[in-house]
Amino acid sequence: MTAKTLIASALIALSAAAVPAFAQSYSHLDPITTSQKSRAEVLADLQIYRESGLAAVDRTEDTSLEINQRAKAQARYAELKSSPRYAALVQKFEARQAGVVTEGVAAR
């Protein structure tokens, strides 16, 4: 093989290998999935996440304290999530959201 042939072969191989690196993702064409939880459930979950102490544990950078605190906070979170408190919070946020919708309709 001549030097020209080797160079041409190398350039073709390199250009073929570079094509996937420039491929674009069209994320706006991906299907949109709807949430399995209502807005009220998400807000109630966030509230008990904060009350359980998990939010505070997630903000800390001290890993030595984090192990025991995380275990306690996770246990408290699970307890709150299965308690009537969670259901009451969901109802509270649903009622609040319904009130906002009702007020918006009444204002028209």
PDB file of N, CA and C in Angstrom:
ATOM      1  N   MET A   1       0.840  -1.180   0.000  1.00  0.00           N
ATOM      2  CA  MET A   1       0.000   0.000   0.000  1.00  0.00           C
ATOM      3  C   MET A   1       0.883   1.240   0.000  1.00  0.00           C
ATOM      4  N   THR A   2       0.402   2.225  -0.639  1.00  0.00           N
ATOM      5  CA  THR A   2       1.160   3.464  -0.678  1.00  0.00           C
ATOM      6  C   THR A   2       0.774   4.343   0.504  1.00  0.00           C
ATOM      7  N   ALA A   3       1.552   5.362   0.700  1.00  0.00           N
ATOM      8  CA  ALA A   3       1.296   6.280   1.811  1.00  0.00           C
ATOM      9  C   ALA A   3      -0.037   6.990   1.627  1.00  0.00           C
ATOM     10  N   LYS A   4      -0.375   7.320   0.367  1.00  0.00           N
ATOM     11  CA  LYS A   4      -1.645   8.001   0.098  1.00  0.00           C
ATOM     12  C   LYS A   4      -2.822   7.104   0.461  1.00  0.00           C
ATOM     13  N   THR A   5      -2.724   5.837   0.149  1.00  0.00           N
ATOM     14  CA  THR A   5      -3.800   4.894   0.445  1.00  0.00           C
ATOM     15  C   THR A   5      -3.969   4.723   1.953  1.00  0.00           C
ATOM     16  N   LEU A   6      -2.852   4.639   2.666  1.00  0.00           N
ATOM     17  CA  LEU A   6      -2.916   4.502   4.120  1.00  0.00           C
ATOM     18  C   LEU A   6      -3.535   5.737   4.774  1.00  0.00           C
ATOM     19  N   ILE A   7      -3.140   6.897   4.303  1.00  0.00           N
ATOM     20  CA  ILE A   7      -3.681   8.140   4.858  1.00  0.00           C
ATOM     21  C   ILE A   7      -5.169   8.250   4.561  1.00  0.00           C
ATOM     22  N   ALA A   8      -5.553   7.918   3.333  1.00  0.00           N
ATOM     23  CA  ALA A   8      -6.965   7.975   2.956  1.00  0.00           C
ATOM     24  C   ALA A   8      -7.784   6.992   3.788  1.00  0.00           C
ATOM     25  N   SER A   9      -7.280   5.791   3.989  1.00  0.00           N
ATOM     26  CA  SER A   9      -7.980   4.786   4.798  1.00  0.00           C
ATOM     27  C   SER A   9      -8.122   5.253   6.244  1.00  0.00           C
ATOM     28  N   ALA A  10      -7.064   5.839   6.772  1.00  0.00           N
ATOM     29  CA  ALA A  10      -7.100   6.329   8.149  1.00  0.00           C
ATOM     30  C   ALA A  10      -8.109   7.465   8.303  1.00  0.00           C
ATOM     31  N   LEU A  11      -8.157   8.371   7.335  1.00  0.00           N
ATOM     32  CA  LEU A  11      -9.109   9.479   7.396  1.00  0.00           C
ATOM     33  C   LEU A  11     -10.549   8.990   7.318  1.00  0.00           C
ATOM     34  N   ILE A  12     -10.804   8.018   6.467  1.00  0.00           N
ATOM     35  CA  ILE A  12     -12.156   7.463   6.350  1.00  0.00           C
ATOM     36  C   ILE A  12     -12.559   6.775   7.652  1.00  0.00           C
ATOM     37  N   ALA A  13     -11.644   6.011   8.223  1.00  0.00           N
ATOM     38  CA  ALA A  13     -11.937   5.317   9.479  1.00  0.00           C
ATOM     39  C   ALA A  13     -12.200   6.310  10.607  1.00  0.00           C
ATOM     40  N   LEU A  14     -11.399   7.361  10.678  1.00  0.00           N
ATOM     41  CA  LEU A  14     -11.585   8.359  11.727  1.00  0.00           C
ATOM     42  C   LEU A  14     -12.882   9.137  11.552  1.00  0.00           C
ATOM     43  N   SER A  15     -13.225   9.472  10.331  1.00  0.00           N
ATOM     44  CA  SER A  15     -14.461  10.225  10.109  1.00  0.00           C
ATOM     45  C   SER A  15     -15.679   9.365  10.410  1.00  0.00           C
ATOM     46  N   ALA A  16     -15.615   8.075  10.117  1.00  0.00           N
ATOM     47  CA  ALA A  16     -16.728   7.177  10.424  1.00  0.00           C
ATOM     48  C   ALA A  16     -16.880   7.007  11.935  1.00  0.00           C
ATOM     49  N   ALA A  17     -15.780   7.001  12.653  1.00  0.00           N
ATOM     50  CA  ALA A  17     -15.831   6.843  14.103  1.00  0.00           C
ATOM     51  C   ALA A  17     -16.325   8.116  14.787  1.00  0.00           C
ATOM     52  N   ALA A  18     -16.135   9.253  14.166  1.00  0.00           N
ATOM     53  CA  ALA A  18     -16.523  10.523  14.777  1.00  0.00           C
ATOM     54  C   ALA A  18     -18.006  10.821  14.617  1.00  0.00           C
ATOM     55  N   VAL A  19     -18.678  10.195  13.681  1.00  0.00           N
ATOM     56  CA  VAL A  19     -20.090  10.491  13.417  1.00  0.00           C
ATOM     57  C   VAL A  19     -20.971  10.265  14.647  1.00  0.00           C
ATOM     58  N   PRO A  20     -20.878   9.127  15.359  1.00  0.00           N
ATOM     59  CA  PRO A  20     -21.744   8.955  16.525  1.00  0.00           C
ATOM     60  C   PRO A  20     -21.494   9.981  17.631  1.00  0.00           C
ATOM     61  N   ALA A  21     -20.321  10.553  17.689  1.00  0.00           N
ATOM     62  CA  ALA A  21     -20.022  11.541  18.720  1.00  0.00           C
ATOM     63  C   ALA A  21     -20.830  12.811  18.520  1.00  0.00           C
ATOM     64  N   PHE A  22     -21.254  13.081  17.302  1.00  0.00           N
ATOM     65  CA  PHE A  22     -22.013  14.283  17.010  1.00  0.00           C
ATOM     66  C   PHE A  22     -23.514  14.027  16.913  1.00  0.00           C
ATOM     67  N   ALA A  23     -23.937  12.810  17.185  1.00  0.00           N
ATOM     68  CA  ALA A  23     -25.361  12.503  17.136  1.00  0.00           C
ATOM     69  C   ALA A  23     -26.083  13.296  18.218  1.00  0.00           C
ATOM     70  N   GLN A  24     -27.269  13.772  17.881  1.00  0.00           N
ATOM     71  CA  GLN A  24     -28.028  14.580  18.825  1.00  0.00           C
ATOM     72  C   GLN A  24     -29.191  13.779  19.390  1.00  0.00           C
ATOM     73  N   SER A  25     -29.551  14.117  20.582  1.00  0.00           N
ATOM     74  CA  SER A  25     -30.713  13.515  21.207  1.00  0.00           C
ATOM     75  C   SER A  25     -31.868  14.498  21.076  1.00  0.00           C
ATOM     76  N   TYR A  26     -32.970  14.018  20.618  1.00  0.00           N
ATOM     77  CA  TYR A  26     -34.148  14.860  20.465  1.00  0.00           C
ATOM     78  C   TYR A  26     -35.093  14.584  21.630  1.00  0.00           C
ATOM     79  N   SER A  27     -34.729  15.104  22.806  1.00  0.00           N
ATOM     80  CA  SER A  27     -35.500  14.815  24.011  1.00  0.00           C
ATOM     81  C   SER A  27     -36.913  15.383  23.945  1.00  0.00           C
ATOM     82  N   HIS A  28     -37.128  16.409  23.148  1.00  0.00           N
ATOM     83  CA  HIS A  28     -38.471  16.968  23.041  1.00  0.00           C
ATOM     84  C   HIS A  28     -39.417  16.027  22.304  1.00  0.00           C
ATOM     85  N   LEU A  29     -38.866  15.005  21.642  1.00  0.00           N
ATOM     86  CA  LEU A  29     -39.697  14.023  20.955  1.00  0.00           C
ATOM     87  C   LEU A  29     -39.996  12.804  21.821  1.00  0.00           C
ATOM     88  N   ASP A  30     -39.343  12.704  22.975  1.00  0.00           N
ATOM     89  CA  ASP A  30     -39.594  11.584  23.874  1.00  0.00           C
ATOM     90  C   ASP A  30     -41.006  11.699  24.436  1.00  0.00           C
ATOM     91  N   PRO A  31     -41.662  10.571  24.641  1.00  0.00           N
ATOM     92  CA  PRO A  31     -43.020  10.647  25.190  1.00  0.00           C
ATOM     93  C   PRO A  31     -43.004  11.186  26.619  1.00  0.00           C
ATOM     94  N   ILE A  32     -43.991  11.977  26.936  1.00  0.00           N
ATOM     95  CA  ILE A  32     -44.105  12.548  28.272  1.00  0.00           C
ATOM     96  C   ILE A  32     -44.941  11.598  29.114  1.00  0.00           C
ATOM     97  N   THR A  33     -44.391  11.200  30.237  1.00  0.00           N
ATOM     98  CA  THR A  33     -45.135  10.309  31.121  1.00  0.00           C
ATOM     99  C   THR A  33     -45.766  11.130  32.230  1.00  0.00           C
ATOM    100  N   THR A  34     -46.973  10.766  32.566  1.00  0.00           N
ATOM    101  CA  THR A  34     -47.655  11.479  33.633  1.00  0.00           C
ATOM    102  C   THR A  34     -47.284  10.863  34.969  1.00  0.00           C
ATOM    103  N   SER A  35     -47.342  11.663  35.986  1.00  0.00           N
ATOM    104  CA  SER A  35     -46.991  11.209  37.329  1.00  0.00           C
ATOM    105  C   SER A  35     -48.039  10.230  37.844  1.00  0.00           C
ATOM    106  N   GLN A  36     -47.599   9.317  38.667  1.00  0.00           N
ATOM    107  CA  GLN A  36     -48.516   8.364  39.285  1.00  0.00           C
ATOM    108  C   GLN A  36     -49.119   8.937  40.565  1.00  0.00           C
ATOM    109  N   LYS A  37     -48.633  10.096  40.986  1.00  0.00           N
ATOM    110  CA  LYS A  37     -49.120  10.727  42.209  1.00  0.00           C
ATOM    111  C   LYS A  37     -49.775  12.059  41.879  1.00  0.00           C
ATOM    112  N   SER A  38     -50.752  12.405  42.681  1.00  0.00           N
ATOM    113  CA  SER A  38     -51.391  13.706  42.521  1.00  0.00           C
ATOM    114  C   SER A  38     -50.491  14.784  43.127  1.00  0.00           C
ATOM    115  N   ARG A  39     -50.813  16.018  42.827  1.00  0.00           N
ATOM    116  CA  ARG A  39     -50.042  17.130  43.392  1.00  0.00           C
ATOM    117  C   ARG A  39     -50.150  17.127  44.918  1.00  0.00           C
ATOM    118  N   ALA A  40     -51.318  16.822  45.426  1.00  0.00           N
ATOM    119  CA  ALA A  40     -51.522  16.779  46.877  1.00  0.00           C
ATOM    120  C   ALA A  40     -50.661  15.696  47.520  1.00  0.00           C
ATOM    121  N   GLU A  41     -50.538  14.544  46.871  1.00  0.00           N
ATOM    122  CA  GLU A  41     -49.699  13.464  47.403  1.00  0.00           C
ATOM    123  C   GLU A  41     -48.229  13.869  47.420  1.00  0.00           C
ATOM    124  N   VAL A  42     -47.804  14.546  46.377  1.00  0.00           N
ATOM    125  CA  VAL A  42     -46.408  14.998  46.311  1.00  0.00           C
ATOM    126  C   VAL A  42     -46.127  16.020  47.411  1.00  0.00           C
ATOM    127  N   LEU A  43     -47.036  16.960  47.604  1.00  0.00           N
ATOM    128  CA  LEU A  43     -46.846  17.970  48.649  1.00  0.00           C
ATOM    129  C   LEU A  43     -46.872  17.346  50.045  1.00  0.00           C
ATOM    130  N   ALA A  44     -47.756  16.370  50.261  1.00  0.00           N
ATOM    131  CA  ALA A  44     -47.813  15.680  51.555  1.00  0.00           C
ATOM    132  C   ALA A  44     -46.533  14.891  51.792  1.00  0.00           C
ATOM    133  N   ASP A  45     -46.037  14.243  50.747  1.00  0.00           N
ATOM    134  CA  ASP A  45     -44.791  13.485  50.853  1.00  0.00           C
ATOM    135  C   ASP A  45     -43.628  14.414  51.193  1.00  0.00           C
ATOM    136  N   LEU A  46     -43.584  15.567  50.558  1.00  0.00           N
ATOM    137  CA  LEU A  46     -42.541  16.550  50.851  1.00  0.00           C
ATOM    138  C   LEU A  46     -42.626  17.022  52.304  1.00  0.00           C
ATOM    139  N   GLN A  47     -43.834  17.229  52.782  1.00  0.00           N
ATOM    140  CA  GLN A  47     -44.021  17.677  54.166  1.00  0.00           C
ATOM    141  C   GLN A  47     -43.495  16.643  55.162  1.00  0.00           C
ATOM    142  N   ILE A  48     -43.827  15.361  54.963  1.00  0.00           N
ATOM    143  CA  ILE A  48     -43.348  14.354  55.918  1.00  0.00           C
ATOM    144  C   ILE A  48     -41.857  14.080  55.732  1.00  0.00           C
ATOM    145  N   TYR A  49     -41.345  14.301  54.525  1.00  0.00           N
ATOM    146  CA  TYR A  49     -39.899  14.205  54.291  1.00  0.00           C
ATOM    147  C   TYR A  49     -39.176  15.227  55.163  1.00  0.00           C
ATOM    148  N   ARG A  50     -39.722  16.419  55.218  1.00  0.00           N
ATOM    149  CA  ARG A  50     -39.121  17.463  56.055  1.00  0.00           C
ATOM    150  C   ARG A  50     -39.306  17.161  57.540  1.00  0.00           C
ATOM    151  N   GLU A  51     -40.519  16.751  57.921  1.00  0.00           N
ATOM    152  CA  GLU A  51     -40.811  16.478  59.329  1.00  0.00           C
ATOM    153  C   GLU A  51     -40.007  15.301  59.872  1.00  0.00           C
ATOM    154  N   SER A  52     -39.720  14.323  59.025  1.00  0.00           N
ATOM    155  CA  SER A  52     -38.998  13.133  59.480  1.00  0.00           C
ATOM    156  C   SER A  52     -37.523  13.414  59.756  1.00  0.00           C
ATOM    157  N   GLY A  53     -37.014  14.491  59.199  1.00  0.00           N
ATOM    158  CA  GLY A  53     -35.605  14.817  59.372  1.00  0.00           C
ATOM    159  C   GLY A  53     -34.742  14.398  58.195  1.00  0.00           C
ATOM    160  N   LEU A  54     -35.331  13.728  57.203  1.00  0.00           N
ATOM    161  CA  LEU A  54     -34.546  13.316  56.032  1.00  0.00           C
ATOM    162  C   LEU A  54     -34.009  14.512  55.259  1.00  0.00           C
ATOM    163  N   ALA A  55     -34.772  15.581  55.198  1.00  0.00           N
ATOM    164  CA  ALA A  55     -34.302  16.772  54.477  1.00  0.00           C
ATOM    165  C   ALA A  55     -33.042  17.325  55.126  1.00  0.00           C
ATOM    166  N   ALA A  56     -33.033  17.366  56.452  1.00  0.00           N
ATOM    167  CA  ALA A  56     -31.860  17.876  57.171  1.00  0.00           C
ATOM    168  C   ALA A  56     -30.660  16.953  56.989  1.00  0.00           C
ATOM    169  N   VAL A  57     -30.900  15.642  57.007  1.00  0.00           N
ATOM    170  CA  VAL A  57     -29.808  14.677  56.822  1.00  0.00           C
ATOM    171  C   VAL A  57     -29.223  14.798  55.419  1.00  0.00           C
ATOM    172  N   ASP A  58     -30.087  14.998  54.429  1.00  0.00           N
ATOM    173  CA  ASP A  58     -29.603  15.120  53.052  1.00  0.00           C
ATOM    174  C   ASP A  58     -28.784  16.382  52.837  1.00  0.00           C
ATOM    175  N   ARG A  59     -28.994  17.386  53.668  1.00  0.00           N
ATOM    176  CA  ARG A  59     -28.235  18.633  53.521  1.00  0.00           C
ATOM    177  C   ARG A  59     -26.882  18.590  54.208  1.00  0.00           C
ATOM    178  N   THR A  60     -26.671  17.653  55.112  1.00  0.00           N
ATOM    179  CA  THR A  60     -25.422  17.618  55.864  1.00  0.00           C
ATOM    180  C   THR A  60     -24.301  16.978  55.050  1.00  0.00           C
ATOM    181  N   GLU A  61     -23.094  17.393  55.329  1.00  0.00           N
ATOM    182  CA  GLU A  61     -21.929  16.816  54.660  1.00  0.00           C
ATOM    183  C   GLU A  61     -21.104  15.959  55.612  1.00  0.00           C
ATOM    184  N   ASP A  62     -21.503  15.885  56.864  1.00  0.00           N
ATOM    185  CA  ASP A  62     -20.784  15.105  57.869  1.00  0.00           C
ATOM    186  C   ASP A  62     -21.257  13.657  57.806  1.00  0.00           C
ATOM    187  N   THR A  63     -20.471  12.791  57.189  1.00  0.00           N
ATOM    188  CA  THR A  63     -20.892  11.402  56.989  1.00  0.00           C
ATOM    189  C   THR A  63     -20.896  10.593  58.271  1.00  0.00           C
ATOM    190  N   SER A  64     -20.113  10.969  59.269  1.00  0.00           N
ATOM    191  CA  SER A  64     -20.096  10.204  60.519  1.00  0.00           C
ATOM    192  C   SER A  64     -21.415  10.360  61.272  1.00  0.00           C
ATOM    193  N   LEU A  65     -21.983  11.530  61.244  1.00  0.00           N
ATOM    194  CA  LEU A  65     -23.281  11.744  61.875  1.00  0.00           C
ATOM    195  C   LEU A  65     -24.409  11.201  61.013  1.00  0.00           C
ATOM    196  N   GLU A  66     -24.186  11.199  59.739  1.00  0.00           N
ATOM    197  CA  GLU A  66     -25.248  10.887  58.798  1.00  0.00           C
ATOM    198  C   GLU A  66     -25.770   9.455  58.917  1.00  0.00           C
ATOM    199  N   ILE A  67     -24.919   8.487  59.220  1.00  0.00           N
ATOM    200  CA  ILE A  67     -25.331   7.085  59.211  1.00  0.00           C
ATOM    201  C   ILE A  67     -26.451   6.827  60.219  1.00  0.00           C
ATOM    202  N   ASN A  68     -26.239   7.206  61.477  1.00  0.00           N
ATOM    203  CA  ASN A  68     -27.274   6.995  62.495  1.00  0.00           C
ATOM    204  C   ASN A  68     -28.484   7.884  62.266  1.00  0.00           C
ATOM    205  N   GLN A  69     -28.234   9.131  61.924  1.00  0.00           N
ATOM    206  CA  GLN A  69     -29.339  10.057  61.705  1.00  0.00           C
ATOM    207  C   GLN A  69     -30.185   9.630  60.512  1.00  0.00           C
ATOM    208  N   ARG A  70     -29.535   9.169  59.455  1.00  0.00           N
ATOM    209  CA  ARG A  70     -30.278   8.742  58.272  1.00  0.00           C
ATOM    210  C   ARG A  70     -31.175   7.559  58.601  1.00  0.00           C
ATOM    211  N   ALA A  71     -30.666   6.586  59.335  1.00  0.00           N
ATOM    212  CA  ALA A  71     -31.466   5.410  59.696  1.00  0.00           C
ATOM    213  C   ALA A  71     -32.679   5.819  60.527  1.00  0.00           C
ATOM    214  N   LYS A  72     -32.466   6.710  61.491  1.00  0.00           N
ATOM    215  CA  LYS A  72     -33.580   7.184  62.316  1.00  0.00           C
ATOM    216  C   LYS A  72     -34.585   7.976  61.482  1.00  0.00           C
ATOM    217  N   ALA A  73     -34.073   8.833  60.616  1.00  0.00           N
ATOM    218  CA  ALA A  73     -34.953   9.655  59.786  1.00  0.00           C
ATOM    219  C   ALA A  73     -35.739   8.798  58.797  1.00  0.00           C
ATOM    220  N   GLN A  74     -35.108   7.778  58.238  1.00  0.00           N
ATOM    221  CA  GLN A  74     -35.816   6.893  57.311  1.00  0.00           C
ATOM    222  C   GLN A  74     -36.911   6.112  58.030  1.00  0.00           C
ATOM    223  N   ALA A  75     -36.623   5.672  59.246  1.00  0.00           N
ATOM    224  CA  ALA A  75     -37.643   4.963  60.029  1.00  0.00           C
ATOM    225  C   ALA A  75     -38.810   5.899  60.348  1.00  0.00           C
ATOM    226  N   ARG A  76     -38.489   7.123  60.720  1.00  0.00           N
ATOM    227  CA  ARG A  76     -39.534   8.113  61.018  1.00  0.00           C
ATOM    228  C   ARG A  76     -40.338   8.442  59.762  1.00  0.00           C
ATOM    229  N   TYR A  77     -39.678   8.552  58.624  1.00  0.00           N
ATOM    230  CA  TYR A  77     -40.362   8.830  57.358  1.00  0.00           C
ATOM    231  C   TYR A  77     -41.340   7.699  57.030  1.00  0.00           C
ATOM    232  N   ALA A  78     -40.883   6.450  57.139  1.00  0.00           N
ATOM    233  CA  ALA A  78     -41.748   5.298  56.854  1.00  0.00           C
ATOM    234  C   ALA A  78     -42.945   5.276  57.804  1.00  0.00           C
ATOM    235  N   GLU A  79     -42.688   5.611  59.064  1.00  0.00           N
ATOM    236  CA  GLU A  79     -43.762   5.660  60.063  1.00  0.00           C
ATOM    237  C   GLU A  79     -44.791   6.729  59.694  1.00  0.00           C
ATOM    238  N   LEU A  80     -44.318   7.913  59.342  1.00  0.00           N
ATOM    239  CA  LEU A  80     -45.222   9.005  58.967  1.00  0.00           C
ATOM    240  C   LEU A  80     -45.978   8.699  57.676  1.00  0.00           C
ATOM    241  N   LYS A  81     -45.304   8.074  56.733  1.00  0.00           N
ATOM    242  CA  LYS A  81     -45.929   7.787  55.436  1.00  0.00           C
ATOM    243  C   LYS A  81     -47.092   6.807  55.589  1.00  0.00           C
ATOM    244  N   SER A  82     -46.981   5.878  56.527  1.00  0.00           N
ATOM    245  CA  SER A  82     -48.049   4.894  56.714  1.00  0.00           C
ATOM    246  C   SER A  82     -49.048   5.321  57.792  1.00  0.00           C
ATOM    247  N   SER A  83     -48.865   6.488  58.362  1.00  0.00           N
ATOM    248  CA  SER A  83     -49.745   6.957  59.433  1.00  0.00           C
ATOM    249  C   SER A  83     -50.931   7.747  58.868  1.00  0.00           C
ATOM    250  N   PRO A  84     -51.929   7.982  59.702  1.00  0.00           N
ATOM    251  CA  PRO A  84     -53.057   8.823  59.288  1.00  0.00           C
ATOM    252  C   PRO A  84     -52.626  10.263  58.983  1.00  0.00           C
ATOM    253  N   ARG A  85     -51.492  10.669  59.488  1.00  0.00           N
ATOM    254  CA  ARG A  85     -50.980  12.032  59.236  1.00  0.00           C
ATOM    255  C   ARG A  85     -50.792  12.275  57.744  1.00  0.00           C
ATOM    256  N   TYR A  86     -50.252  11.286  57.035  1.00  0.00           N
ATOM    257  CA  TYR A  86     -50.033  11.426  55.593  1.00  0.00           C
ATOM    258  C   TYR A  86     -51.372  11.611  54.873  1.00  0.00           C
ATOM    259  N   ALA A  87     -52.344  10.762  55.211  1.00  0.00           N
ATOM    260  CA  ALA A  87     -53.665  10.866  54.580  1.00  0.00           C
ATOM    261  C   ALA A  87     -54.309  12.215  54.883  1.00  0.00           C
ATOM    262  N   ALA A  88     -54.135  12.703  56.107  1.00  0.00           N
ATOM    263  CA  ALA A  88     -54.688  14.006  56.473  1.00  0.00           C
ATOM    264  C   ALA A  88     -54.022  15.129  55.679  1.00  0.00           C
ATOM    265  N   LEU A  89     -52.724  15.023  55.494  1.00  0.00           N
ATOM    266  CA  LEU A  89     -52.019  16.037  54.700  1.00  0.00           C
ATOM    267  C   LEU A  89     -52.481  16.022  53.246  1.00  0.00           C
ATOM    268  N   VAL A  90     -52.678  14.830  52.694  1.00  0.00           N
ATOM    269  CA  VAL A  90     -53.166  14.729  51.310  1.00  0.00           C
ATOM    270  C   VAL A  90     -54.522  15.412  51.200  1.00  0.00           C
ATOM    271  N   GLN A  91     -55.419  15.131  52.137  1.00  0.00           N
ATOM    272  CA  GLN A  91     -56.746  15.761  52.114  1.00  0.00           C
ATOM    273  C   GLN A  91     -56.640  17.277  52.261  1.00  0.00           C
ATOM    274  N   LYS A  92     -55.755  17.721  53.117  1.00  0.00           N
ATOM    275  CA  LYS A  92     -55.562  19.160  53.325  1.00  0.00           C
ATOM    276  C   LYS A  92     -55.113  19.838  52.032  1.00  0.00           C
ATOM    277  N   PHE A  93     -54.128  19.234  51.358  1.00  0.00           N
ATOM    278  CA  PHE A  93     -53.624  19.837  50.122  1.00  0.00           C
ATOM    279  C   PHE A  93     -54.642  19.727  48.985  1.00  0.00           C
ATOM    280  N   GLU A  94     -55.422  18.648  48.959  1.00  0.00           N
ATOM    281  CA  GLU A  94     -56.482  18.533  47.948  1.00  0.00           C
ATOM    282  C   GLU A  94     -57.535  19.614  48.157  1.00  0.00           C
ATOM    283  N   ALA A  95     -57.915  19.830  49.419  1.00  0.00           N
ATOM    284  CA  ALA A  95     -58.907  20.859  49.732  1.00  0.00           C
ATOM    285  C   ALA A  95     -58.380  22.243  49.382  1.00  0.00           C
ATOM    286  N   ARG A  96     -57.119  22.477  49.684  1.00  0.00           N
ATOM    287  CA  ARG A  96     -56.513  23.772  49.367  1.00  0.00           C
ATOM    288  C   ARG A  96     -56.488  23.991  47.854  1.00  0.00           C
ATOM    289  N   GLN A  97     -56.139  22.937  47.110  1.00  0.00           N
ATOM    290  CA  GLN A  97     -56.097  23.046  45.653  1.00  0.00           C
ATOM    291  C   GLN A  97     -57.505  23.244  45.094  1.00  0.00           C
ATOM    292  N   ALA A  98     -58.488  22.556  45.643  1.00  0.00           N
ATOM    293  CA  ALA A  98     -59.868  22.726  45.196  1.00  0.00           C
ATOM    294  C   ALA A  98     -60.355  24.139  45.495  1.00  0.00           C
ATOM    295  N   GLY A  99     -59.934  24.698  46.619  1.00  0.00           N
ATOM    296  CA  GLY A  99     -60.303  26.067  46.963  1.00  0.00           C
ATOM    297  C   GLY A  99     -59.736  27.066  45.986  1.00  0.00           C
ATOM    298  N   VAL A 100     -58.517  26.842  45.558  1.00  0.00           N
ATOM    299  CA  VAL A 100     -57.885  27.729  44.574  1.00  0.00           C
ATOM    300  C   VAL A 100     -58.626  27.639  43.252  1.00  0.00           C
ATOM    301  N   VAL A 101     -58.986  26.431  42.838  1.00  0.00           N
ATOM    302  CA  VAL A 101     -59.713  26.248  41.578  1.00  0.00           C
ATOM    303  C   VAL A 101     -61.078  26.892  41.676  1.00  0.00           C
ATOM    304  N   THR A 102     -61.763  26.701  42.803  1.00  0.00           N
ATOM    305  CA  THR A 102     -63.087  27.284  42.988  1.00  0.00           C
ATOM    306  C   THR A 102     -63.011  28.803  42.973  1.00  0.00           C
ATOM    307  N   GLU A 103     -62.029  29.364  43.647  1.00  0.00           N
ATOM    308  CA  GLU A 103     -61.874  30.814  43.657  1.00  0.00           C
ATOM    309  C   GLU A 103     -61.585  31.334  42.259  1.00  0.00           C
ATOM    310  N   GLY A 104     -60.784  30.600  41.504  1.00  0.00           N
ATOM    311  CA  GLY A 104     -60.465  31.020  40.145  1.00  0.00           C
ATOM    312  C   GLY A 104     -61.685  31.003  39.244  1.00  0.00           C
ATOM    313  N   VAL A 105     -62.557  30.015  39.416  1.00  0.00           N
ATOM    314  CA  VAL A 105     -63.778  29.921  38.614  1.00  0.00           C
ATOM    315  C   VAL A 105     -64.744  31.015  39.027  1.00  0.00           C
ATOM    316  N   ALA A 106     -64.844  31.270  40.323  1.00  0.00           N
ATOM    317  CA  ALA A 106     -65.769  32.287  40.814  1.00  0.00           C
ATOM    318  C   ALA A 106     -65.356  33.684  40.360  1.00  0.00           C
ATOM    319  N   ALA A 107     -64.077  33.889  40.174  1.00  0.00           N
ATOM    320  CA  ALA A 107     -63.584  35.209  39.788  1.00  0.00           C
ATOM    321  C   ALA A 107     -63.884  35.534  38.335  1.00  0.00           C
ATOM    322  N   ARG A 108     -64.210  34.534  37.547  1.00  0.00           N
ATOM    323  CA  ARG A 108     -64.459  34.787  36.115  1.00  0.00           C
ATOM    324  C   ARG A 108     -65.803  35.301  35.899  1.00  0.00           C
TER     325      ARG A 108
END
